[in-house]
Every structure is written in C-alpha cells, then in structure tokens.
Amino acid sequence: MNKSYLSGETIDVTVHEVCANNKLKEIHKAGGGDWGGTMVDEAFIEFLTKIAGSFKQHLF
C-alpha cells in the first residue's frame, strides 16, 4: 500500500496489516495530535529563520 497523507492541523495515525487475502486488519486504532501540515509549515519557517534571519514580515 505504501501511502501517506499530510494536511491540515492535526494528524491521526492508525496501523493496519495487509492480510494474505489482501484485506486490511486494524492493529492499532487512530490516535494523534497537532502534528499535521500546519505544524510542518511552522517548523519550516522556524528553520529558515534560524539559518537566514527573521524574514516573517516579508511573507505577506
């Protein structure tokens, strides 16, 4: 299957196993937190600020 999706403000993680009959078996139910795409964006801006100085005011 090898698919992942990242967007929004939160992320929920569920673990599945692909069975011999090509059906999915749920191993662990969804759980998560505020680690979605918005958090990735913020971390990237913070990283750029550390290496290039403050430029947030130039984003808009």
C-alpha atoms as a PDB file:
ATOM      1  CA  MET A   1       0.000   0.000   0.000  1.00  0.00           C
ATOM      2  CA  ASN A   2       2.779   2.451   0.954  1.00  0.00           C
ATOM      3  CA  LYS A   3       0.604   5.572   1.048  1.00  0.00           C
ATOM      4  CA  SER A   4       0.663   8.521   3.397  1.00  0.00           C
ATOM      5  CA  TYR A   5      -1.226  11.782   3.558  1.00  0.00           C
ATOM      6  CA  LEU A   6      -0.316  15.036   5.288  1.00  0.00           C
ATOM      7  CA  SER A   7      -2.534  18.077   5.580  1.00  0.00           C
ATOM      8  CA  GLY A   8      -4.404  20.278   7.994  1.00  0.00           C
ATOM      9  CA  GLU A   9      -3.744  20.980  11.635  1.00  0.00           C
ATOM     10  CA  THR A  10      -3.920  17.508  13.134  1.00  0.00           C
ATOM     11  CA  ILE A  11      -2.800  14.041  12.206  1.00  0.00           C
ATOM     12  CA  ASP A  12      -4.305  10.727  13.240  1.00  0.00           C
ATOM     13  CA  VAL A  13      -2.301   7.523  12.973  1.00  0.00           C
ATOM     14  CA  THR A  14      -3.824   4.081  12.500  1.00  0.00           C
ATOM     15  CA  VAL A  15      -1.751   0.934  11.995  1.00  0.00           C
ATOM     16  CA  HIS A  16      -3.015  -1.691   9.551  1.00  0.00           C
ATOM     17  CA  GLU A  17      -1.689  -5.058   8.464  1.00  0.00           C
ATOM     18  CA  VAL A  18      -2.238  -6.325   4.920  1.00  0.00           C
ATOM     19  CA  CYS A  19      -3.528  -9.882   5.255  1.00  0.00           C
ATOM     20  CA  ALA A  20      -2.981 -12.766   2.840  1.00  0.00           C
ATOM     21  CA  ASN A  21      -6.399 -12.168   1.230  1.00  0.00           C
ATOM     22  CA  ASN A  22      -5.328  -8.540   0.503  1.00  0.00           C
ATOM     23  CA  LYS A  23      -7.705  -7.188   3.143  1.00  0.00           C
ATOM     24  CA  LEU A  24      -6.660  -4.796   5.907  1.00  0.00           C
ATOM     25  CA  LYS A  25      -6.625  -5.734   9.579  1.00  0.00           C
ATOM     26  CA  GLU A  26      -6.579  -2.857  12.066  1.00  0.00           C
ATOM     27  CA  ILE A  27      -3.681  -3.314  14.502  1.00  0.00           C
ATOM     28  CA  HIS A  28      -3.921  -0.009  16.375  1.00  0.00           C
ATOM     29  CA  LYS A  29      -6.841   2.445  16.395  1.00  0.00           C
ATOM     30  CA  ALA A  30      -6.458   6.086  15.449  1.00  0.00           C
ATOM     31  CA  GLY A  31      -4.635   8.355  17.814  1.00  0.00           C
ATOM     32  CA  GLY A  32      -2.764  11.546  17.247  1.00  0.00           C
ATOM     33  CA  GLY A  33      -2.338  15.215  17.903  1.00  0.00           C
ATOM     34  CA  ASP A  34      -1.483  18.549  16.357  1.00  0.00           C
ATOM     35  CA  TRP A  35       1.323  17.289  14.101  1.00  0.00           C
ATOM     36  CA  GLY A  36      -0.307  17.899  10.702  1.00  0.00           C
ATOM     37  CA  GLY A  37       0.768  20.007   7.758  1.00  0.00           C
ATOM     38  CA  THR A  38       0.321  23.292   9.621  1.00  0.00           C
ATOM     39  CA  MET A  39       2.897  22.219  12.205  1.00  0.00           C
ATOM     40  CA  VAL A  40       5.286  21.201   9.420  1.00  0.00           C
ATOM     41  CA  ASP A  41       4.852  24.653   7.834  1.00  0.00           C
ATOM     42  CA  GLU A  42       5.595  26.383  11.143  1.00  0.00           C
ATOM     43  CA  ALA A  43       8.672  24.226  11.762  1.00  0.00           C
ATOM     44  CA  PHE A  44       9.956  25.009   8.254  1.00  0.00           C
ATOM     45  CA  ILE A  45       9.538  28.779   8.792  1.00  0.00           C
ATOM     46  CA  GLU A  46      11.348  28.453  12.138  1.00  0.00           C
ATOM     47  CA  PHE A  47      14.180  26.532  10.443  1.00  0.00           C
ATOM     48  CA  LEU A  48      14.548  29.150   7.697  1.00  0.00           C
ATOM     49  CA  THR A  49      14.530  31.930  10.285  1.00  0.00           C
ATOM     50  CA  LYS A  50      17.395  30.236  12.143  1.00  0.00           C
ATOM     51  CA  ILE A  51      19.574  29.973   9.043  1.00  0.00           C
ATOM     52  CA  ALA A  52      18.601  33.197   7.224  1.00  0.00           C
ATOM     53  CA  GLY A  53      17.442  35.541   9.971  1.00  0.00           C
ATOM     54  CA  SER A  54      13.976  36.876  10.571  1.00  0.00           C
ATOM     55  CA  PHE A  55      12.020  37.309   7.376  1.00  0.00           C
ATOM     56  CA  LYS A  56       8.458  36.568   8.508  1.00  0.00           C
ATOM     57  CA  GLN A  57       7.371  40.132   7.777  1.00  0.00           C
ATOM     58  CA  HIS A  58       8.270  39.568   4.103  1.00  0.00           C
ATOM     59  CA  LEU A  59       5.957  36.583   3.658  1.00  0.00           C
ATOM     60  CA  PHE A  60       2.868  38.704   3.018  1.00  0.00           C
END
